[in-house]
């Protein structure tokens, strides 16, 4: 089963990465998305605020909504601690065997030396999604 998942992971990596370096405009857009925190976290922040105002009469629901924020901060700290203490695994960008194409405009030393597991973004978004799930299945 793990071999199948690894093969699928590599297939998806090469499918997506096959677009890198082909078009400067597409690469510039990808670099913009990579660097723009608003586009990465904006939808979750917007969802949080919509829920905050829709639940204005429900103090218990608002307390759970505040718990969403309080869960994500320790989760990110735990993720960083794990990244610093777990055995080092290079990011796909820095793994020579994967032959990853670097997008135009991206420096090849980006995130060099940073452990790939766990991903800070993955920890943050999963912790927030899990907290939203605790508020309600449809939201989560």
N, C-alpha and C. Protein backbone atom coordinates (compact mmCIF):
# COMPACT_ATOMS: atom_id res chain seq x y z
N UNK A 1 0.82 -1.19 0.00
CA UNK A 1 0.00 0.00 0.00
C UNK A 1 0.87 1.26 0.00
N UNK A 2 1.93 1.26 0.81
CA UNK A 2 2.81 2.43 0.87
C UNK A 2 3.49 2.69 -0.47
N UNK A 3 3.84 1.63 -1.19
CA UNK A 3 4.47 1.79 -2.50
C UNK A 3 3.51 2.43 -3.49
N UNK A 4 2.25 2.05 -3.41
CA UNK A 4 1.23 2.63 -4.29
C UNK A 4 1.06 4.11 -3.99
N UNK A 5 1.00 4.46 -2.70
CA UNK A 5 0.87 5.86 -2.31
C UNK A 5 2.09 6.67 -2.73
N UNK A 6 3.27 6.11 -2.56
CA UNK A 6 4.50 6.82 -2.97
C UNK A 6 4.51 7.03 -4.48
N UNK A 7 4.10 6.01 -5.24
CA UNK A 7 4.06 6.14 -6.70
C UNK A 7 3.05 7.21 -7.11
N UNK A 8 1.89 7.24 -6.45
CA UNK A 8 0.89 8.26 -6.74
C UNK A 8 1.41 9.65 -6.38
N UNK A 9 2.09 9.74 -5.24
CA UNK A 9 2.68 11.00 -4.80
C UNK A 9 3.69 11.52 -5.84
N UNK A 10 4.56 10.64 -6.31
CA UNK A 10 5.55 11.04 -7.31
C UNK A 10 4.89 11.41 -8.64
N UNK A 11 3.86 10.68 -9.00
CA UNK A 11 3.14 10.97 -10.25
C UNK A 11 2.50 12.36 -10.20
N UNK A 12 1.87 12.68 -9.08
CA UNK A 12 1.26 14.00 -8.92
C UNK A 12 2.32 15.10 -8.87
N UNK A 13 3.42 14.85 -8.19
CA UNK A 13 4.51 15.82 -8.13
C UNK A 13 5.01 16.15 -9.53
N UNK A 14 5.27 15.14 -10.33
CA UNK A 14 5.80 15.37 -11.68
C UNK A 14 4.74 15.96 -12.62
N UNK A 15 3.48 15.61 -12.41
CA UNK A 15 2.42 16.20 -13.22
C UNK A 15 2.33 17.71 -12.97
N UNK A 16 2.31 18.10 -11.70
CA UNK A 16 2.22 19.52 -11.36
C UNK A 16 3.52 20.24 -11.70
N UNK A 17 4.65 19.62 -11.35
CA UNK A 17 5.94 20.27 -11.57
C UNK A 17 6.28 20.34 -13.06
N UNK A 18 5.64 19.52 -13.89
CA UNK A 18 5.90 19.56 -15.32
C UNK A 18 5.54 20.90 -15.95
N UNK A 19 4.73 21.69 -15.25
CA UNK A 19 4.35 23.01 -15.75
C UNK A 19 5.41 24.07 -15.42
N UNK A 20 6.27 23.78 -14.47
CA UNK A 20 7.28 24.76 -14.04
C UNK A 20 8.31 25.00 -15.14
N UNK A 21 8.70 26.25 -15.28
CA UNK A 21 9.74 26.60 -16.24
C UNK A 21 9.27 26.68 -17.68
N UNK A 22 7.99 26.46 -17.93
CA UNK A 22 7.47 26.46 -19.29
C UNK A 22 6.97 27.84 -19.73
N UNK A 23 6.47 28.60 -18.76
CA UNK A 23 5.88 29.89 -19.06
C UNK A 23 6.18 30.85 -17.92
N UNK A 24 6.87 31.94 -18.21
CA UNK A 24 7.29 32.89 -17.18
C UNK A 24 6.08 33.50 -16.46
N UNK A 25 4.99 33.74 -17.16
CA UNK A 25 3.81 34.33 -16.52
C UNK A 25 3.17 33.36 -15.53
N UNK A 26 3.05 32.10 -15.93
CA UNK A 26 2.48 31.10 -15.01
C UNK A 26 3.37 30.95 -13.79
N UNK A 27 4.69 30.89 -14.01
CA UNK A 27 5.62 30.77 -12.88
C UNK A 27 5.54 32.00 -11.97
N UNK A 28 5.39 33.19 -12.56
CA UNK A 28 5.27 34.41 -11.75
C UNK A 28 3.99 34.35 -10.91
N UNK A 29 2.91 33.83 -11.49
CA UNK A 29 1.66 33.70 -10.75
C UNK A 29 1.81 32.70 -9.61
N UNK A 30 2.46 31.58 -9.86
CA UNK A 30 2.70 30.58 -8.81
C UNK A 30 3.57 31.17 -7.70
N UNK A 31 4.60 31.92 -8.07
CA UNK A 31 5.45 32.56 -7.06
C UNK A 31 4.65 33.57 -6.24
N UNK A 32 3.75 34.30 -6.91
CA UNK A 32 2.88 35.24 -6.21
C UNK A 32 2.01 34.51 -5.19
N UNK A 33 1.39 33.40 -5.62
CA UNK A 33 0.55 32.61 -4.71
C UNK A 33 1.36 32.08 -3.53
N UNK A 34 2.58 31.64 -3.81
CA UNK A 34 3.45 31.10 -2.76
C UNK A 34 3.76 32.14 -1.70
N UNK A 35 3.95 33.38 -2.13
CA UNK A 35 4.38 34.44 -1.22
C UNK A 35 3.24 35.25 -0.61
N UNK A 36 2.02 35.09 -1.09
CA UNK A 36 0.92 35.92 -0.63
C UNK A 36 0.13 35.23 0.49
N UNK A 37 0.36 35.68 1.71
CA UNK A 37 -0.30 35.08 2.88
C UNK A 37 -1.81 35.27 2.84
N UNK A 38 -2.28 36.38 2.26
CA UNK A 38 -3.71 36.64 2.21
C UNK A 38 -4.44 35.58 1.39
N UNK A 39 -3.87 35.20 0.27
CA UNK A 39 -4.51 34.18 -0.56
C UNK A 39 -4.46 32.80 0.08
N UNK A 40 -3.40 32.54 0.86
CA UNK A 40 -3.30 31.23 1.52
C UNK A 40 -4.27 31.11 2.69
N UNK A 41 -4.33 32.12 3.53
CA UNK A 41 -5.14 32.04 4.73
C UNK A 41 -6.44 32.83 4.63
N UNK A 42 -6.57 33.66 3.61
CA UNK A 42 -7.73 34.51 3.47
C UNK A 42 -9.07 33.80 3.54
N UNK A 43 -9.26 32.69 2.80
CA UNK A 43 -10.56 32.02 2.87
C UNK A 43 -10.92 31.53 4.27
N UNK A 44 -9.92 31.03 5.02
CA UNK A 44 -10.21 30.56 6.38
C UNK A 44 -10.51 31.73 7.32
N UNK A 45 -9.79 32.82 7.15
CA UNK A 45 -10.05 34.01 7.97
C UNK A 45 -11.44 34.56 7.66
N UNK A 46 -11.78 34.61 6.38
CA UNK A 46 -13.11 35.06 5.98
C UNK A 46 -14.19 34.17 6.58
N UNK A 47 -14.01 32.86 6.52
CA UNK A 47 -14.96 31.92 7.11
C UNK A 47 -15.09 32.16 8.61
N UNK A 48 -13.96 32.38 9.28
CA UNK A 48 -13.98 32.63 10.71
C UNK A 48 -14.82 33.87 11.03
N UNK A 49 -14.60 34.96 10.27
CA UNK A 49 -15.34 36.19 10.53
C UNK A 49 -16.82 36.05 10.19
N UNK A 50 -17.15 35.36 9.13
CA UNK A 50 -18.56 35.13 8.78
C UNK A 50 -19.25 34.38 9.92
N UNK A 51 -18.59 33.33 10.41
CA UNK A 51 -19.17 32.58 11.52
C UNK A 51 -19.28 33.44 12.77
N UNK A 52 -18.26 34.26 13.02
CA UNK A 52 -18.28 35.12 14.20
C UNK A 52 -19.52 36.02 14.22
N UNK A 53 -19.82 36.65 13.07
CA UNK A 53 -20.96 37.56 13.02
C UNK A 53 -22.29 36.82 12.93
N UNK A 54 -22.31 35.66 12.32
CA UNK A 54 -23.57 34.89 12.25
C UNK A 54 -23.92 34.28 13.60
N UNK A 55 -22.91 34.04 14.43
CA UNK A 55 -23.15 33.42 15.73
C UNK A 55 -23.17 34.45 16.86
N UNK A 56 -23.46 35.69 16.54
CA UNK A 56 -23.37 36.77 17.53
C UNK A 56 -24.28 36.55 18.74
N UNK A 57 -25.38 35.84 18.57
CA UNK A 57 -26.30 35.61 19.69
C UNK A 57 -25.96 34.36 20.48
N UNK A 58 -25.06 33.54 19.99
CA UNK A 58 -24.73 32.27 20.63
C UNK A 58 -23.35 32.35 21.28
N UNK A 59 -23.31 32.65 22.57
CA UNK A 59 -22.04 32.84 23.28
C UNK A 59 -21.20 31.56 23.30
N UNK A 60 -21.86 30.41 23.43
CA UNK A 60 -21.12 29.14 23.46
C UNK A 60 -20.45 28.87 22.11
N UNK A 61 -21.15 29.13 21.03
CA UNK A 61 -20.57 28.93 19.70
C UNK A 61 -19.42 29.89 19.47
N UNK A 62 -19.57 31.11 19.94
CA UNK A 62 -18.47 32.08 19.80
C UNK A 62 -17.26 31.64 20.62
N UNK A 63 -17.49 31.06 21.78
CA UNK A 63 -16.37 30.56 22.60
C UNK A 63 -15.65 29.44 21.85
N UNK A 64 -16.41 28.57 21.20
CA UNK A 64 -15.78 27.50 20.41
C UNK A 64 -15.02 28.09 19.23
N UNK A 65 -15.55 29.15 18.66
CA UNK A 65 -14.87 29.81 17.55
C UNK A 65 -13.54 30.42 18.00
N UNK A 66 -13.53 30.98 19.20
CA UNK A 66 -12.26 31.49 19.75
C UNK A 66 -11.29 30.34 20.02
N UNK A 67 -11.83 29.18 20.34
CA UNK A 67 -10.97 28.00 20.54
C UNK A 67 -10.25 27.61 19.25
N UNK A 68 -10.88 27.91 18.10
CA UNK A 68 -10.23 27.64 16.81
C UNK A 68 -8.87 28.33 16.76
N UNK A 69 -8.83 29.59 17.16
CA UNK A 69 -7.57 30.33 17.16
C UNK A 69 -6.60 29.77 18.19
N UNK A 70 -7.12 29.43 19.36
CA UNK A 70 -6.23 28.96 20.42
C UNK A 70 -5.69 27.56 20.14
N UNK A 71 -6.32 26.81 19.27
CA UNK A 71 -5.82 25.48 18.90
C UNK A 71 -4.70 25.60 17.87
N UNK A 72 -4.85 26.52 16.94
CA UNK A 72 -3.88 26.60 15.83
C UNK A 72 -2.50 27.07 16.29
N UNK A 73 -2.42 27.97 17.25
CA UNK A 73 -1.12 28.49 17.68
C UNK A 73 -0.25 27.40 18.32
N UNK A 74 -0.77 26.63 19.31
CA UNK A 74 0.06 25.54 19.85
C UNK A 74 0.36 24.45 18.81
N UNK A 75 -0.57 24.24 17.88
CA UNK A 75 -0.34 23.23 16.84
C UNK A 75 0.85 23.63 15.97
N UNK A 76 0.94 24.91 15.62
CA UNK A 76 2.07 25.39 14.81
C UNK A 76 3.37 25.26 15.61
N UNK A 77 3.33 25.61 16.89
CA UNK A 77 4.53 25.47 17.74
C UNK A 77 4.95 24.01 17.83
N UNK A 78 3.99 23.10 17.99
CA UNK A 78 4.31 21.67 18.03
C UNK A 78 4.88 21.21 16.69
N UNK A 79 4.30 21.68 15.60
CA UNK A 79 4.82 21.32 14.28
C UNK A 79 6.25 21.77 14.08
N UNK A 80 6.57 23.00 14.52
CA UNK A 80 7.95 23.49 14.42
C UNK A 80 8.89 22.66 15.28
N UNK A 81 8.43 22.31 16.50
CA UNK A 81 9.27 21.48 17.39
C UNK A 81 9.53 20.12 16.75
N UNK A 82 8.51 19.54 16.14
CA UNK A 82 8.70 18.25 15.46
C UNK A 82 9.63 18.39 14.27
N UNK A 83 9.48 19.46 13.51
CA UNK A 83 10.34 19.67 12.34
C UNK A 83 11.81 19.80 12.77
N UNK A 84 12.05 20.38 13.92
CA UNK A 84 13.42 20.55 14.40
C UNK A 84 13.97 19.29 15.05
N UNK A 85 13.09 18.41 15.55
CA UNK A 85 13.57 17.23 16.27
C UNK A 85 13.51 15.93 15.48
N UNK A 86 12.64 15.85 14.49
CA UNK A 86 12.55 14.63 13.68
C UNK A 86 13.75 14.54 12.74
N UNK A 87 14.06 13.33 12.28
CA UNK A 87 15.16 13.21 11.31
C UNK A 87 14.89 14.09 10.09
N UNK A 88 15.96 14.68 9.57
CA UNK A 88 15.84 15.61 8.45
C UNK A 88 15.42 14.88 7.19
N UNK A 89 14.47 15.46 6.49
CA UNK A 89 14.04 14.98 5.18
C UNK A 89 13.95 16.20 4.28
N UNK A 90 14.73 16.24 3.21
CA UNK A 90 14.70 17.44 2.36
C UNK A 90 13.36 17.61 1.67
N UNK A 91 13.04 18.85 1.39
CA UNK A 91 11.82 19.14 0.63
C UNK A 91 12.01 18.63 -0.79
N UNK A 92 10.92 18.31 -1.48
CA UNK A 92 11.05 17.79 -2.84
C UNK A 92 11.91 18.69 -3.75
N UNK A 93 11.83 19.98 -3.53
CA UNK A 93 12.62 20.93 -4.30
C UNK A 93 14.11 20.67 -4.19
N UNK A 94 14.55 20.15 -3.05
CA UNK A 94 15.97 19.93 -2.78
C UNK A 94 16.38 18.46 -2.81
N UNK A 95 15.52 17.61 -3.30
CA UNK A 95 15.82 16.19 -3.41
C UNK A 95 16.26 15.89 -4.84
N UNK A 96 17.58 15.71 -5.06
CA UNK A 96 18.09 15.54 -6.44
C UNK A 96 17.45 14.36 -7.18
N UNK A 97 17.11 13.30 -6.47
CA UNK A 97 16.56 12.12 -7.14
C UNK A 97 15.19 12.39 -7.76
N UNK A 98 14.49 13.41 -7.30
CA UNK A 98 13.16 13.70 -7.82
C UNK A 98 13.19 14.53 -9.09
N UNK A 99 14.32 15.18 -9.37
CA UNK A 99 14.48 15.98 -10.59
C UNK A 99 13.36 17.02 -10.73
N UNK A 100 13.19 17.82 -9.70
CA UNK A 100 12.15 18.85 -9.69
C UNK A 100 12.64 20.08 -10.43
N UNK A 101 11.80 20.59 -11.32
CA UNK A 101 12.10 21.80 -12.08
C UNK A 101 11.75 23.01 -11.23
N UNK A 102 12.69 23.95 -11.08
CA UNK A 102 12.45 25.16 -10.31
C UNK A 102 11.73 26.18 -11.19
N UNK A 103 10.62 26.74 -10.69
CA UNK A 103 9.90 27.75 -11.48
C UNK A 103 10.77 28.97 -11.76
N UNK A 104 10.52 29.61 -12.88
CA UNK A 104 11.24 30.84 -13.25
C UNK A 104 10.98 31.88 -12.16
N UNK A 105 12.04 32.51 -11.70
CA UNK A 105 11.91 33.55 -10.68
C UNK A 105 12.03 33.06 -9.26
N UNK A 106 12.10 31.76 -9.07
CA UNK A 106 12.24 31.21 -7.73
C UNK A 106 13.71 30.86 -7.51
N UNK A 107 14.23 31.24 -6.37
CA UNK A 107 15.63 30.97 -6.07
C UNK A 107 15.78 29.50 -5.67
N UNK A 108 16.80 28.85 -6.17
CA UNK A 108 16.98 27.41 -5.90
C UNK A 108 17.29 27.12 -4.43
N UNK A 109 17.67 28.11 -3.66
CA UNK A 109 17.97 27.91 -2.24
C UNK A 109 16.75 28.13 -1.35
N UNK A 110 15.58 28.37 -1.94
CA UNK A 110 14.36 28.59 -1.17
C UNK A 110 14.10 27.41 -0.24
N UNK A 111 13.93 27.70 1.03
CA UNK A 111 13.64 26.71 2.07
C UNK A 111 14.70 25.61 2.17
N UNK A 112 15.87 25.86 1.68
CA UNK A 112 16.96 24.88 1.78
C UNK A 112 17.33 24.73 3.25
N UNK A 113 17.41 23.51 3.71
CA UNK A 113 17.74 23.23 5.10
C UNK A 113 16.52 23.11 6.00
N UNK A 114 15.34 23.40 5.47
CA UNK A 114 14.11 23.26 6.26
C UNK A 114 13.59 21.84 6.07
N UNK A 115 13.24 21.19 7.17
CA UNK A 115 12.68 19.85 7.12
C UNK A 115 11.33 19.89 6.42
N UNK A 116 11.05 18.88 5.62
CA UNK A 116 9.79 18.88 4.86
C UNK A 116 8.63 18.31 5.66
N UNK A 117 8.93 17.61 6.73
CA UNK A 117 7.85 17.00 7.52
C UNK A 117 8.02 17.42 8.97
N UNK A 118 7.03 17.95 9.62
CA UNK A 118 5.74 18.33 9.06
C UNK A 118 5.80 19.73 8.45
N UNK A 119 4.95 19.96 7.48
CA UNK A 119 4.87 21.26 6.83
C UNK A 119 4.13 22.24 7.75
N UNK A 120 4.70 23.44 7.91
CA UNK A 120 4.05 24.46 8.75
C UNK A 120 2.65 24.77 8.25
N UNK A 121 2.51 24.92 6.94
CA UNK A 121 1.20 25.23 6.37
C UNK A 121 0.22 24.08 6.59
N UNK A 122 0.69 22.86 6.40
CA UNK A 122 -0.19 21.71 6.60
C UNK A 122 -0.67 21.65 8.04
N UNK A 123 0.23 21.85 8.98
CA UNK A 123 -0.14 21.83 10.40
C UNK A 123 -1.17 22.91 10.70
N UNK A 124 -0.92 24.11 10.22
CA UNK A 124 -1.83 25.22 10.49
C UNK A 124 -3.21 24.97 9.89
N UNK A 125 -3.26 24.61 8.61
CA UNK A 125 -4.56 24.45 7.96
C UNK A 125 -5.32 23.23 8.48
N UNK A 126 -4.63 22.15 8.79
CA UNK A 126 -5.31 20.98 9.33
C UNK A 126 -5.85 21.27 10.73
N UNK A 127 -5.07 21.97 11.55
CA UNK A 127 -5.55 22.29 12.90
C UNK A 127 -6.77 23.20 12.83
N UNK A 128 -6.76 24.18 11.94
CA UNK A 128 -7.91 25.08 11.81
C UNK A 128 -9.11 24.33 11.23
N UNK A 129 -8.88 23.49 10.24
CA UNK A 129 -9.99 22.72 9.66
C UNK A 129 -10.58 21.77 10.70
N UNK A 130 -9.73 21.15 11.51
CA UNK A 130 -10.23 20.25 12.55
C UNK A 130 -11.04 21.02 13.58
N UNK A 131 -10.58 22.21 13.93
CA UNK A 131 -11.33 23.02 14.88
C UNK A 131 -12.67 23.45 14.29
N UNK A 132 -12.69 23.84 13.02
CA UNK A 132 -13.95 24.17 12.36
C UNK A 132 -14.87 22.95 12.33
N UNK A 133 -14.29 21.78 12.13
CA UNK A 133 -15.08 20.54 12.11
C UNK A 133 -15.77 20.34 13.46
N UNK A 134 -15.07 20.70 14.54
CA UNK A 134 -15.67 20.57 15.87
C UNK A 134 -16.84 21.54 16.05
N UNK A 135 -16.82 22.66 15.33
CA UNK A 135 -17.94 23.61 15.38
C UNK A 135 -19.16 23.04 14.66
N UNK A 136 -18.90 22.33 13.59
CA UNK A 136 -20.00 21.75 12.81
C UNK A 136 -19.43 21.02 11.61
N UNK A 137 -19.97 19.85 11.34
CA UNK A 137 -19.43 19.04 10.23
C UNK A 137 -19.46 19.77 8.91
N UNK A 138 -20.51 20.48 8.61
CA UNK A 138 -20.62 21.17 7.32
C UNK A 138 -19.55 22.23 7.18
N UNK A 139 -19.24 22.92 8.25
CA UNK A 139 -18.22 23.96 8.22
C UNK A 139 -16.83 23.34 8.08
N UNK A 140 -16.59 22.28 8.86
CA UNK A 140 -15.28 21.61 8.85
C UNK A 140 -15.02 20.93 7.53
